[in-house]
Protein backbone atom coordinates (compact mmCIF):
# COMPACT_ATOMS: atom_id res chain seq x y z
CA MET A 1 -5.05 4.88 5.88
CA PHE A 2 -2.00 2.90 4.72
CA VAL A 3 -1.85 4.45 1.25
CA LEU A 4 -2.66 7.93 2.63
CA THR A 5 0.33 7.71 4.97
CA PHE A 6 2.74 6.99 2.13
CA PHE A 7 1.09 9.57 -0.12
CA LEU A 8 1.82 12.22 2.52
CA LEU A 9 5.33 10.88 3.05
CA SER A 10 6.08 11.13 -0.66
CA PHE A 11 4.60 14.64 -0.79
CA MET A 12 6.79 15.88 2.06
CA LEU A 13 9.92 14.14 0.79
CA THR A 14 9.42 15.77 -2.63
CA TYR A 15 9.39 19.15 -0.90
CA LEU A 16 12.68 18.30 0.81
CA MET A 17 14.17 17.02 -2.46
CA ARG A 18 13.30 20.32 -4.11
CA ILE A 19 15.19 22.21 -1.42
CA TYR A 20 18.12 19.80 -1.84
CA ALA A 21 18.16 20.12 -5.63
CA LEU A 22 18.14 23.92 -5.48
CA LYS A 23 20.90 23.95 -2.87
CA LYS A 24 23.09 21.51 -4.84
CA ASN A 25 22.24 23.19 -8.19
CA ILE A 26 20.79 19.97 -9.61
CA ILE A 27 18.98 21.71 -12.41
CA ASP A 28 17.51 20.39 -15.65
CA ASN A 29 18.49 22.91 -18.31
CA PRO A 30 16.58 22.83 -21.61
CA ASN A 31 18.33 20.92 -24.42
CA GLU A 32 17.53 19.34 -27.79
CA ARG A 33 15.43 16.62 -26.14
CA SER A 34 13.54 18.89 -23.78
CA SER A 35 9.90 19.90 -23.95
CA HIS A 36 10.57 22.58 -21.33
CA SER A 37 11.99 26.08 -21.73
CA ILE A 38 12.70 27.01 -18.11
CA PRO A 39 15.56 25.57 -15.97
CA THR A 40 13.91 23.42 -13.29
CA PRO A 41 15.29 21.39 -10.36
CA ARG A 42 15.22 17.63 -10.91
CA GLY A 43 15.45 14.50 -8.81
CA GLY A 44 12.13 14.85 -6.99
CA GLY A 45 11.26 11.28 -7.87
CA VAL A 46 13.67 10.12 -5.17
CA ALA A 47 10.76 10.79 -2.83
CA VAL A 48 8.71 8.17 -4.69
CA VAL A 49 11.57 5.68 -4.45
CA ILE A 50 12.12 6.12 -0.73
CA SER A 51 8.41 6.07 0.10
CA TYR A 52 7.71 3.00 -2.02
CA LEU A 53 10.64 0.96 -0.73
CA LEU A 54 9.66 1.75 2.86
CA GLY A 55 6.10 0.81 2.04
CA LEU A 56 7.22 -2.53 0.63
CA VAL A 57 8.99 -3.28 3.90
CA VAL A 58 5.73 -2.63 5.75
CA LEU A 59 3.78 -4.84 3.32
CA ILE A 60 6.26 -7.67 3.89
CA TYR A 61 5.96 -7.23 7.66
CA LEU A 62 2.14 -7.29 7.44
CA SER A 63 2.28 -10.40 5.19
CA TYR A 64 0.58 -8.64 2.27
CA LEU A 65 3.66 -9.41 0.19
CA SER A 66 5.83 -12.51 0.22
CA LEU A 67 9.41 -12.08 1.38
CA SER A 68 10.89 -13.34 -1.90
CA ILE A 69 8.85 -11.03 -4.12
CA GLY A 70 9.31 -8.10 -1.75
CA LEU A 71 13.08 -8.49 -1.63
CA THR A 72 13.21 -8.88 -5.42
CA LEU A 73 11.37 -5.59 -5.86
CA ILE A 74 13.44 -3.81 -3.22
CA ALA A 75 16.86 -5.01 -4.39
CA ALA A 76 16.31 -4.61 -8.14
CA CYS A 77 14.51 -1.29 -7.99
CA PHE A 78 16.86 0.24 -5.41
CA THR A 79 19.80 -0.59 -7.67
CA ILE A 80 18.20 1.10 -10.68
CA ALA A 81 17.14 4.10 -8.59
CA LEU A 82 20.69 4.47 -7.24
CA LEU A 83 22.09 4.29 -10.76
CA GLY A 84 19.65 6.98 -11.89
CA PHE A 85 20.46 9.12 -8.84
CA LEU A 86 24.16 9.00 -9.66
CA ASP A 87 23.38 9.85 -13.29
CA ASP A 88 21.30 12.83 -12.15
CA HIS A 89 24.34 14.10 -10.24
CA GLY A 90 26.91 13.37 -12.95
CA HIS A 91 26.76 11.68 -16.34
CA ILE A 92 27.26 7.90 -16.43
CA ASN A 93 28.35 6.23 -19.66
CA ALA A 94 25.34 4.95 -21.62
CA LEU A 95 26.84 1.49 -22.20
CA ALA A 96 27.68 1.16 -18.51
CA ARG A 97 24.09 2.06 -17.61
CA LEU A 98 22.73 -0.45 -20.10
CA ALA A 99 24.99 -3.18 -18.75
CA VAL A 100 23.67 -2.60 -15.23
CA HIS A 101 20.11 -2.63 -16.59
CA PHE A 102 20.65 -6.08 -18.11
CA LEU A 103 22.33 -7.44 -14.99
CA VAL A 104 19.48 -6.24 -12.78
CA ALA A 105 16.86 -7.58 -15.21
CA ILE A 106 18.55 -11.00 -15.34
CA ALA A 107 18.77 -11.11 -11.54
CA ALA A 108 15.08 -10.17 -11.23
CA VAL A 109 13.96 -12.87 -13.68
CA VAL A 110 16.06 -15.50 -11.89
CA SER A 111 14.75 -14.36 -8.50
CA LEU A 112 11.16 -14.70 -9.74
CA GLY A 113 11.86 -18.31 -10.68
CA GLY A 114 12.06 -18.01 -14.46
CA PHE A 115 9.37 -18.34 -17.13
CA SER A 116 10.02 -21.59 -18.97
CA GLU A 117 6.34 -22.67 -19.01
CA VAL A 118 4.81 -19.68 -20.78
CA GLY A 119 2.34 -20.53 -23.55
CA LEU A 120 0.72 -18.14 -26.01
CA PHE A 121 -2.48 -18.27 -28.07
CA ASN A 122 -4.25 -20.77 -25.81
CA ASP A 123 -0.99 -22.70 -25.30
CA THR A 124 -0.58 -23.42 -29.00
CA ILE A 125 2.91 -21.86 -28.82
CA GLN A 126 5.19 -22.89 -25.96
CA LEU A 127 8.04 -20.42 -25.50
CA GLY A 128 10.14 -22.68 -23.29
CA TRP A 129 13.45 -21.27 -22.04
CA PHE A 130 13.22 -18.47 -24.63
CA ALA A 131 10.57 -16.86 -22.42
CA ASN A 132 13.32 -15.91 -19.96
CA ILE A 133 15.18 -13.96 -22.65
CA ILE A 134 11.97 -12.18 -23.59
CA ALA A 135 11.33 -11.37 -19.91
CA VAL A 136 14.80 -9.82 -19.53
CA LEU A 137 14.38 -7.76 -22.71
CA PHE A 138 10.92 -6.70 -21.55
CA LEU A 139 12.29 -5.35 -18.26
CA VAL A 140 15.19 -3.52 -19.92
CA TRP A 141 12.95 -1.98 -22.57
CA LEU A 142 10.24 -0.90 -20.11
CA LEU A 143 12.89 0.59 -17.83
CA ASN A 144 14.38 2.64 -20.66
CA LEU A 145 11.17 3.61 -22.41
CA TYR A 146 9.87 5.03 -19.16
CA ASN A 147 12.88 7.32 -19.13
CA PHE A 148 12.21 8.29 -22.76
CA MET A 149 8.56 9.04 -22.03
CA ASP A 150 9.24 11.22 -18.97
CA GLY A 151 9.33 14.45 -20.95
CA ILE A 152 6.34 16.63 -20.07
CA ASN A 153 4.65 17.58 -16.82
CA GLY A 154 2.85 14.74 -15.11
CA ILE A 155 2.87 12.17 -17.92
CA ALA A 156 5.12 9.56 -16.29
CA SER A 157 3.26 9.84 -12.98
CA ILE A 158 -0.19 9.69 -14.58
CA GLU A 159 0.81 6.60 -16.55
CA ALA A 160 2.08 4.81 -13.43
CA ILE A 161 -0.94 5.81 -11.34
CA SER A 162 -3.53 4.85 -13.93
CA ALA A 163 -1.82 1.54 -14.76
CA THR A 164 -1.45 0.47 -11.13
CA VAL A 165 -4.94 1.59 -10.08
CA SER A 166 -6.42 -0.16 -13.13
CA MET A 167 -4.60 -3.44 -12.53
CA GLY A 168 -5.02 -3.15 -8.75
CA SER A 169 -8.77 -2.83 -9.23
CA ILE A 170 -8.83 -5.87 -11.50
CA TYR A 171 -6.88 -7.84 -8.88
CA LEU A 172 -9.09 -6.64 -6.06
CA LEU A 173 -12.41 -7.28 -7.76
CA PHE A 174 -11.77 -10.33 -9.88
CA ILE A 175 -8.44 -12.03 -9.14
CA SER A 176 -7.96 -13.50 -5.68
CA GLY A 177 -4.48 -14.95 -6.19
CA LEU A 178 -2.60 -11.63 -6.46
CA SER A 179 -2.38 -8.82 -3.92
CA SER A 180 -3.27 -5.30 -5.04
CA GLN A 181 -1.54 -3.63 -2.08
CA ALA A 182 1.83 -3.13 -3.78
CA LEU A 183 0.07 -1.56 -6.77
CA PHE A 184 -2.03 0.90 -4.79
CA LEU A 185 1.05 1.76 -2.73
CA LEU A 186 2.96 2.73 -5.88
CA ALA A 187 0.01 4.85 -7.05
CA ALA A 188 -0.09 6.69 -3.71
CA CYS A 189 3.65 7.36 -3.61
CA THR A 190 3.63 8.59 -7.20
CA ALA A 191 0.61 10.83 -6.53
CA GLY A 192 2.52 12.51 -3.69
CA PHE A 193 5.20 13.57 -6.18
CA LEU A 194 2.67 14.43 -8.91
CA LEU A 195 1.33 17.40 -6.95
CA TRP A 196 4.78 19.02 -7.28
CA ASN A 197 5.08 18.20 -10.99
CA PHE A 198 1.66 18.89 -12.47
CA PRO A 199 0.15 20.97 -13.93
CA LYS A 200 3.12 23.28 -13.31
CA ALA A 201 6.45 21.56 -12.71
CA ARG A 202 8.20 22.87 -9.62
CA ILE A 203 10.55 19.89 -9.77
CA PHE A 204 11.18 17.11 -12.30
CA MET A 205 11.19 13.39 -11.61
CA GLY A 206 14.75 12.65 -12.74
CA ASP A 207 16.34 9.41 -13.90
CA ALA A 208 16.37 8.08 -10.34
CA CYS A 209 12.61 7.62 -10.50
CA SER A 210 11.71 7.23 -14.18
CA GLY A 211 13.77 4.06 -14.62
CA PHE A 212 12.64 2.91 -11.17
CA LEU A 213 8.98 3.18 -12.16
CA GLY A 214 9.57 1.32 -15.42
CA LEU A 215 11.29 -1.53 -13.61
CA VAL A 216 8.69 -1.74 -10.81
CA LEU A 217 5.87 -1.91 -13.35
CA GLY A 218 7.77 -4.50 -15.38
CA ILE A 219 8.39 -6.74 -12.39
CA LEU A 220 4.76 -6.44 -11.26
CA ALA A 221 3.69 -7.45 -14.76
CA LEU A 222 6.01 -10.47 -14.71
CA ILE A 223 4.63 -11.49 -11.31
CA ALA A 224 1.19 -11.52 -12.95
CA LEU A 225 2.61 -13.62 -15.79
CA LYS A 226 3.57 -16.28 -13.25
CA GLN A 227 -0.14 -16.75 -12.57
CA ASP A 228 -1.78 -16.19 -15.97
CA VAL A 229 -0.70 -14.99 -19.42
CA ALA A 230 -4.04 -13.18 -19.64
CA LEU A 231 -3.06 -10.95 -16.71
CA PHE A 232 0.28 -10.14 -18.32
CA CYS A 233 -1.59 -9.16 -21.48
CA ALA A 234 -3.79 -6.89 -19.35
CA TRP A 235 -0.64 -5.18 -18.07
CA LEU A 236 0.63 -4.66 -21.61
CA ILE A 237 -2.70 -3.10 -22.52
CA CYS A 238 -2.69 -0.74 -19.52
CA LEU A 239 0.85 0.39 -20.41
CA GLY A 240 -0.07 0.70 -24.09
CA VAL A 241 0.38 4.48 -24.47
CA PHE A 242 4.01 4.35 -23.35
CA VAL A 243 4.81 1.05 -25.08
CA VAL A 244 3.41 2.12 -28.44
CA ASP A 245 4.77 5.68 -28.46
CA ALA A 246 8.30 4.73 -27.40
CA THR A 247 8.54 1.62 -29.58
CA PHE A 248 7.02 3.20 -32.70
CA THR A 249 9.25 6.26 -32.31
CA LEU A 250 12.42 4.22 -31.88
CA ILE A 251 11.71 1.94 -34.85
CA ARG A 252 10.90 4.89 -37.13
CA ARG A 253 14.02 6.79 -36.09
CA VAL A 254 16.29 3.79 -36.63
CA ILE A 255 14.74 3.18 -40.07
CA ASN A 256 15.41 6.84 -40.89
CA GLY A 257 19.08 6.43 -40.01
CA HIS A 258 19.21 7.91 -36.52
CA LYS A 259 21.22 6.29 -33.74
CA MET A 260 19.18 4.63 -30.98
CA TYR A 261 20.77 6.72 -28.24
CA ASP A 262 20.60 10.15 -29.96
CA ALA A 263 18.74 12.75 -27.91
CA HIS A 264 15.53 13.95 -29.52
CA ARG A 265 12.02 15.19 -28.87
CA SER A 266 10.12 13.36 -31.56
CA HIS A 267 7.81 11.15 -29.50
CA ALA A 268 4.12 11.48 -30.28
CA TYR A 269 3.40 13.03 -26.89
CA GLN A 270 6.10 15.65 -27.48
CA TYR A 271 4.72 16.58 -30.89
CA ALA A 272 1.24 16.71 -29.35
CA SER A 273 2.37 19.01 -26.53
CA ARG A 274 3.82 21.43 -29.09
CA LYS A 275 0.78 21.16 -31.36
CA TYR A 276 -1.60 22.09 -28.52
CA ASN A 277 0.97 24.28 -26.72
CA SER A 278 0.10 22.49 -23.50
CA HIS A 279 1.52 19.73 -21.34
CA THR A 280 -1.70 19.59 -19.36
CA VAL A 281 -3.91 18.78 -22.36
CA VAL A 282 -1.66 15.91 -23.45
CA THR A 283 -1.26 14.45 -19.97
CA PHE A 284 -5.01 14.52 -19.38
CA GLY A 285 -5.41 12.99 -22.83
CA VAL A 286 -3.19 10.09 -21.78
CA LEU A 287 -5.26 9.66 -18.62
CA ALA A 288 -8.48 9.61 -20.65
CA ILE A 289 -7.11 6.99 -23.05
CA ASN A 290 -5.97 4.84 -20.14
CA VAL A 291 -9.31 4.98 -18.32
CA VAL A 292 -11.85 5.09 -21.14
CA TRP A 293 -10.15 2.86 -23.73
CA LEU A 294 -7.41 0.70 -22.24
CA LEU A 295 -8.90 -0.21 -18.85
CA PRO A 296 -12.06 -1.88 -20.26
CA ILE A 297 -9.99 -3.85 -22.76
CA ALA A 298 -7.53 -4.84 -20.02
CA TYR A 299 -10.45 -6.16 -17.99
CA LEU A 300 -11.69 -8.22 -20.96
CA ALA A 301 -8.16 -9.59 -21.42
CA SER A 302 -7.83 -10.50 -17.74
CA GLN A 303 -11.08 -12.46 -17.96
CA SER A 304 -10.10 -14.07 -21.31
CA VAL A 305 -13.38 -12.88 -22.83
CA LEU A 306 -11.47 -12.96 -26.12
CA MET A 307 -7.99 -14.25 -26.79
CA PRO A 308 -5.85 -11.81 -24.70
CA GLU A 309 -3.18 -11.52 -27.40
CA LEU A 310 -5.85 -10.40 -29.87
CA LEU A 311 -7.10 -7.80 -27.40
CA ILE A 312 -3.59 -6.31 -27.22
CA LEU A 313 -3.77 -5.75 -30.98
CA ILE A 314 -7.25 -4.21 -30.70
CA ALA A 315 -6.05 -1.90 -27.93
CA TYR A 316 -2.89 -0.85 -29.77
CA ILE A 317 -4.31 -0.10 -33.25
CA PRO A 318 -5.78 3.33 -32.29
CA LEU A 319 -2.57 4.13 -30.38
CA ILE A 320 -0.48 3.36 -33.45
CA LEU A 321 -2.77 5.55 -35.55
CA LEU A 322 -2.32 8.37 -33.04
CA ALA A 323 1.46 7.93 -33.19
CA ILE A 324 1.31 8.19 -36.98
CA TYR A 325 -1.02 11.21 -36.80
CA PHE A 326 1.29 13.16 -34.49
CA GLY A 327 4.38 12.15 -36.49
CA ALA A 328 6.14 10.05 -33.85
CA GLY A 329 9.74 9.40 -34.85
CA LYS A 330 9.83 11.92 -37.70
CA THR A 331 12.60 14.48 -37.87
CA GLU A 332 11.24 17.73 -36.42
CA ASN A 333 11.62 19.74 -39.63
CA ALA A 334 10.43 16.90 -41.89
């Protein structure tokens, strides 16, 4: 009943955001980075933001979420959502945005208590204080890659829903120390928006929500890291499609002489959507990969059936091959 309530709230708020976007002429016009050809209102993801933040307040009140973690999520993610909302309404300098991203990420890591005791490969490598730097970079990268990957109907929502439901199920069934409520809440709020964005997009998510989702997922993953590196590895596996596509594409473009911040549409998922002339096929393909391939491996990682770091490699190899197959990062005419 709890998640249904916030699913319906998100659905209704998305409807209102669509009316608002049309009235204020907040329209996403096709450009060199777009995978769309029709001007479409954007900013519907604000509904996800509002619903989720309200839901977190309820979870804190019901003691399903600690006050410290709840306030960390609310403060950090509201700031990023507000920044994205302002950017949706008028361009904000890229360096200014990035500076805010780093400040918010640093504040979130500090608020979570830091990560100076992280050990990898069965504690054979102790990261020490350097783990905090990695945590900050992880949040900033996940926040930005989520924005990069929000380019076709439904893909960003499907990724968030499948990752949170997968990890929430692992928590619920096998891990007693972490609550799954915040994860299922995010899935429900995102699903409310998804019905307006997939298979036909009547409104786009917008920067207010794409960066928000990336940061929420990143913070949830770091919360898991506080308990067990294996759980953090499971998160990385569940988010593998976005992590591999965005990272592989960026590295290849930089090697080929492109600037990191140049607009483009050379991600693997974008090439795939043009190859099959369908957003729906690619988005369902991402869902299938997440459920059939990544979820079972994430479960094995969470239970340390094999070394979790090794399972990340096993999970990512087919994804890297898919990125190569679809030409991720290549110049369109190459």
